């Protein structure tokens, strides 16, 4: 039995999100929440909401015991890229790539 939660089209680079996901992979949910709360990274706020959502899904949809949950899987994949233009000297234009992320979080119960 597993509970999943998805975060789609998050306006943060997948590279930045994966750094934080590596910190919580395999940890119990209480410890993972504490790590996210005290890590000074931009992705932590969104991942905290995602973890709370996954815990709520486990409790309400699958009747799992919240005290025995751990982060079984977590991964990020790139979403669509927003392409913007920055004006530069002598009439040139540089392209700015605003990257987005799709994050998946899977919780399971310990036996």
C-alpha atoms as a PDB file:
ATOM      1  CA  UNK A   1       0.000   0.000   0.000  1.00  0.00           C
ATOM      2  CA  UNK A   2       1.329   3.436  -0.911  1.00  0.00           C
ATOM      3  CA  UNK A   3       0.131   7.033  -0.934  1.00  0.00           C
ATOM      4  CA  UNK A   4       1.191   9.476  -3.631  1.00  0.00           C
ATOM      5  CA  UNK A   5       1.135  13.236  -4.021  1.00  0.00           C
ATOM      6  CA  UNK A   6       2.089  15.290  -7.053  1.00  0.00           C
ATOM      7  CA  UNK A   7       3.259  18.861  -7.483  1.00  0.00           C
ATOM      8  CA  UNK A   8       2.978  19.949 -11.104  1.00  0.00           C
ATOM      9  CA  UNK A   9       4.251  23.057 -12.865  1.00  0.00           C
ATOM     10  CA  UNK A  10       6.229  24.336  -9.864  1.00  0.00           C
ATOM     11  CA  UNK A  11       8.148  27.446 -10.918  1.00  0.00           C
ATOM     12  CA  UNK A  12      11.530  26.239  -9.695  1.00  0.00           C
ATOM     13  CA  UNK A  13      14.334  24.476 -11.505  1.00  0.00           C
ATOM     14  CA  UNK A  14      14.351  20.655 -11.206  1.00  0.00           C
ATOM     15  CA  UNK A  15      18.041  20.820 -10.297  1.00  0.00           C
ATOM     16  CA  UNK A  16      17.289  22.887  -7.186  1.00  0.00           C
ATOM     17  CA  UNK A  17      14.416  20.597  -6.149  1.00  0.00           C
ATOM     18  CA  UNK A  18      16.459  17.393  -6.524  1.00  0.00           C
ATOM     19  CA  UNK A  19      19.054  18.662  -4.016  1.00  0.00           C
ATOM     20  CA  UNK A  20      16.370  18.892  -1.320  1.00  0.00           C
ATOM     21  CA  UNK A  21      14.681  15.614  -2.320  1.00  0.00           C
ATOM     22  CA  UNK A  22      17.989  13.793  -1.788  1.00  0.00           C
ATOM     23  CA  UNK A  23      17.904  14.957   1.855  1.00  0.00           C
ATOM     24  CA  UNK A  24      14.504  13.402   2.652  1.00  0.00           C
ATOM     25  CA  UNK A  25      14.537  10.216   0.551  1.00  0.00           C
ATOM     26  CA  UNK A  26      14.079   7.125   2.770  1.00  0.00           C
ATOM     27  CA  UNK A  27      13.421   9.130   5.948  1.00  0.00           C
ATOM     28  CA  UNK A  28      10.376   8.884   8.221  1.00  0.00           C
ATOM     29  CA  UNK A  29       7.773  11.596   7.642  1.00  0.00           C
ATOM     30  CA  UNK A  30       8.393  13.375  10.968  1.00  0.00           C
ATOM     31  CA  UNK A  31      12.123  13.581  10.301  1.00  0.00           C
ATOM     32  CA  UNK A  32      11.548  14.612   6.678  1.00  0.00           C
ATOM     33  CA  UNK A  33       9.228  17.427   7.799  1.00  0.00           C
ATOM     34  CA  UNK A  34      11.838  18.643  10.308  1.00  0.00           C
ATOM     35  CA  UNK A  35      14.552  18.587   7.632  1.00  0.00           C
ATOM     36  CA  UNK A  36      12.375  20.602   5.245  1.00  0.00           C
ATOM     37  CA  UNK A  37      11.479  23.090   7.965  1.00  0.00           C
ATOM     38  CA  UNK A  38      15.121  23.821   8.860  1.00  0.00           C
ATOM     39  CA  UNK A  39      16.788  23.699   5.430  1.00  0.00           C
ATOM     40  CA  UNK A  40      17.311  27.145   3.871  1.00  0.00           C
ATOM     41  CA  UNK A  41      16.452  26.248   0.271  1.00  0.00           C
ATOM     42  CA  UNK A  42      13.797  27.734  -2.011  1.00  0.00           C
ATOM     43  CA  UNK A  43      12.217  24.347  -2.769  1.00  0.00           C
ATOM     44  CA  UNK A  44      11.551  23.476   0.885  1.00  0.00           C
ATOM     45  CA  UNK A  45       8.325  25.483   1.196  1.00  0.00           C
ATOM     46  CA  UNK A  46       6.656  23.733  -1.750  1.00  0.00           C
ATOM     47  CA  UNK A  47       7.961  20.306  -0.685  1.00  0.00           C
ATOM     48  CA  UNK A  48       6.620  20.821   2.842  1.00  0.00           C
ATOM     49  CA  UNK A  49       3.117  21.369   1.438  1.00  0.00           C
ATOM     50  CA  UNK A  50       3.542  18.330  -0.820  1.00  0.00           C
ATOM     51  CA  UNK A  51       4.611  16.116   2.113  1.00  0.00           C
ATOM     52  CA  UNK A  52       1.614  17.274   4.175  1.00  0.00           C
ATOM     53  CA  UNK A  53      -0.638  16.446   1.226  1.00  0.00           C
ATOM     54  CA  UNK A  54       0.869  12.967   0.861  1.00  0.00           C
ATOM     55  CA  UNK A  55       0.388  12.306   4.594  1.00  0.00           C
ATOM     56  CA  UNK A  56      -3.262  13.432   4.348  1.00  0.00           C
ATOM     57  CA  UNK A  57      -3.774  11.176   1.311  1.00  0.00           C
ATOM     58  CA  UNK A  58      -2.321   8.216   3.216  1.00  0.00           C
ATOM     59  CA  UNK A  59      -4.538   8.833   6.238  1.00  0.00           C
ATOM     60  CA  UNK A  60      -7.826   9.661   4.511  1.00  0.00           C
ATOM     61  CA  UNK A  61      -7.743   7.682   1.255  1.00  0.00           C
ATOM     62  CA  UNK A  62      -5.790   4.556   2.243  1.00  0.00           C
ATOM     63  CA  UNK A  63      -6.392   4.318   6.035  1.00  0.00           C
ATOM     64  CA  UNK A  64      -2.657   4.051   6.717  1.00  0.00           C
ATOM     65  CA  UNK A  65      -1.070   4.593  10.136  1.00  0.00           C
ATOM     66  CA  UNK A  66       0.523   8.078  10.067  1.00  0.00           C
ATOM     67  CA  UNK A  67       3.135   7.222  12.709  1.00  0.00           C
ATOM     68  CA  UNK A  68       4.641   4.435  10.560  1.00  0.00           C
ATOM     69  CA  UNK A  69       4.961   6.332   7.262  1.00  0.00           C
ATOM     70  CA  UNK A  70       8.246   6.992   5.477  1.00  0.00           C
ATOM     71  CA  UNK A  71       9.283   8.572   2.175  1.00  0.00           C
ATOM     72  CA  UNK A  72       9.675   5.547  -0.090  1.00  0.00           C
ATOM     73  CA  UNK A  73      10.216   7.406  -3.369  1.00  0.00           C
ATOM     74  CA  UNK A  74      10.622  11.028  -4.358  1.00  0.00           C
ATOM     75  CA  UNK A  75      11.723  12.332  -7.701  1.00  0.00           C
ATOM     76  CA  UNK A  76      11.488  15.382  -9.908  1.00  0.00           C
ATOM     77  CA  UNK A  77      11.124  15.649 -13.665  1.00  0.00           C
ATOM     78  CA  UNK A  78      11.320  18.778 -15.794  1.00  0.00           C
ATOM     79  CA  UNK A  79       8.104  20.477 -16.841  1.00  0.00           C
ATOM     80  CA  UNK A  80       7.581  22.906 -19.702  1.00  0.00           C
ATOM     81  CA  UNK A  81      10.126  25.716 -20.012  1.00  0.00           C
ATOM     82  CA  UNK A  82       8.903  29.323 -20.179  1.00  0.00           C
ATOM     83  CA  UNK A  83      11.038  31.210 -22.686  1.00  0.00           C
ATOM     84  CA  UNK A  84      11.616  34.914 -22.028  1.00  0.00           C
ATOM     85  CA  UNK A  85      13.734  37.596 -23.701  1.00  0.00           C
ATOM     86  CA  UNK A  86      16.200  39.939 -21.964  1.00  0.00           C
ATOM     87  CA  UNK A  87      17.220  43.005 -23.971  1.00  0.00           C
ATOM     88  CA  UNK A  88      20.990  43.456 -24.279  1.00  0.00           C
ATOM     89  CA  UNK A  89      23.361  46.019 -25.715  1.00  0.00           C
ATOM     90  CA  UNK A  90      23.252  47.104 -29.376  1.00  0.00           C
ATOM     91  CA  UNK A  91      19.765  45.741 -30.048  1.00  0.00           C
ATOM     92  CA  UNK A  92      20.554  42.140 -29.205  1.00  0.00           C
ATOM     93  CA  UNK A  93      18.312  39.877 -27.160  1.00  0.00           C
ATOM     94  CA  UNK A  94      19.326  37.055 -24.835  1.00  0.00           C
ATOM     95  CA  UNK A  95      17.012  34.172 -24.073  1.00  0.00           C
ATOM     96  CA  UNK A  96      16.072  33.425 -20.459  1.00  0.00           C
ATOM     97  CA  UNK A  97      14.777  29.921 -19.681  1.00  0.00           C
ATOM     98  CA  UNK A  98      12.396  29.828 -16.730  1.00  0.00           C
ATOM     99  CA  UNK A  99      12.259  26.157 -15.834  1.00  0.00           C
ATOM    100  CA  UNK A 100       9.376  24.312 -14.184  1.00  0.00           C
ATOM    101  CA  UNK A 101       9.234  21.031 -12.271  1.00  0.00           C
ATOM    102  CA  UNK A 102       6.900  18.108 -11.706  1.00  0.00           C
ATOM    103  CA  UNK A 103       7.555  16.507  -8.294  1.00  0.00           C
ATOM    104  CA  UNK A 104       6.254  13.100  -7.167  1.00  0.00           C
ATOM    105  CA  UNK A 105       6.312  11.931  -3.542  1.00  0.00           C
ATOM    106  CA  UNK A 106       5.430   8.354  -2.496  1.00  0.00           C
ATOM    107  CA  UNK A 107       4.854   7.301   1.117  1.00  0.00           C
ATOM    108  CA  UNK A 108       4.727   3.731   2.399  1.00  0.00           C
ATOM    109  CA  UNK A 109       4.138   2.103   5.780  1.00  0.00           C
ATOM    110  CA  UNK A 110       6.930   0.336   7.643  1.00  0.00           C
ATOM    111  CA  UNK A 111       6.209  -3.262   8.549  1.00  0.00           C
END
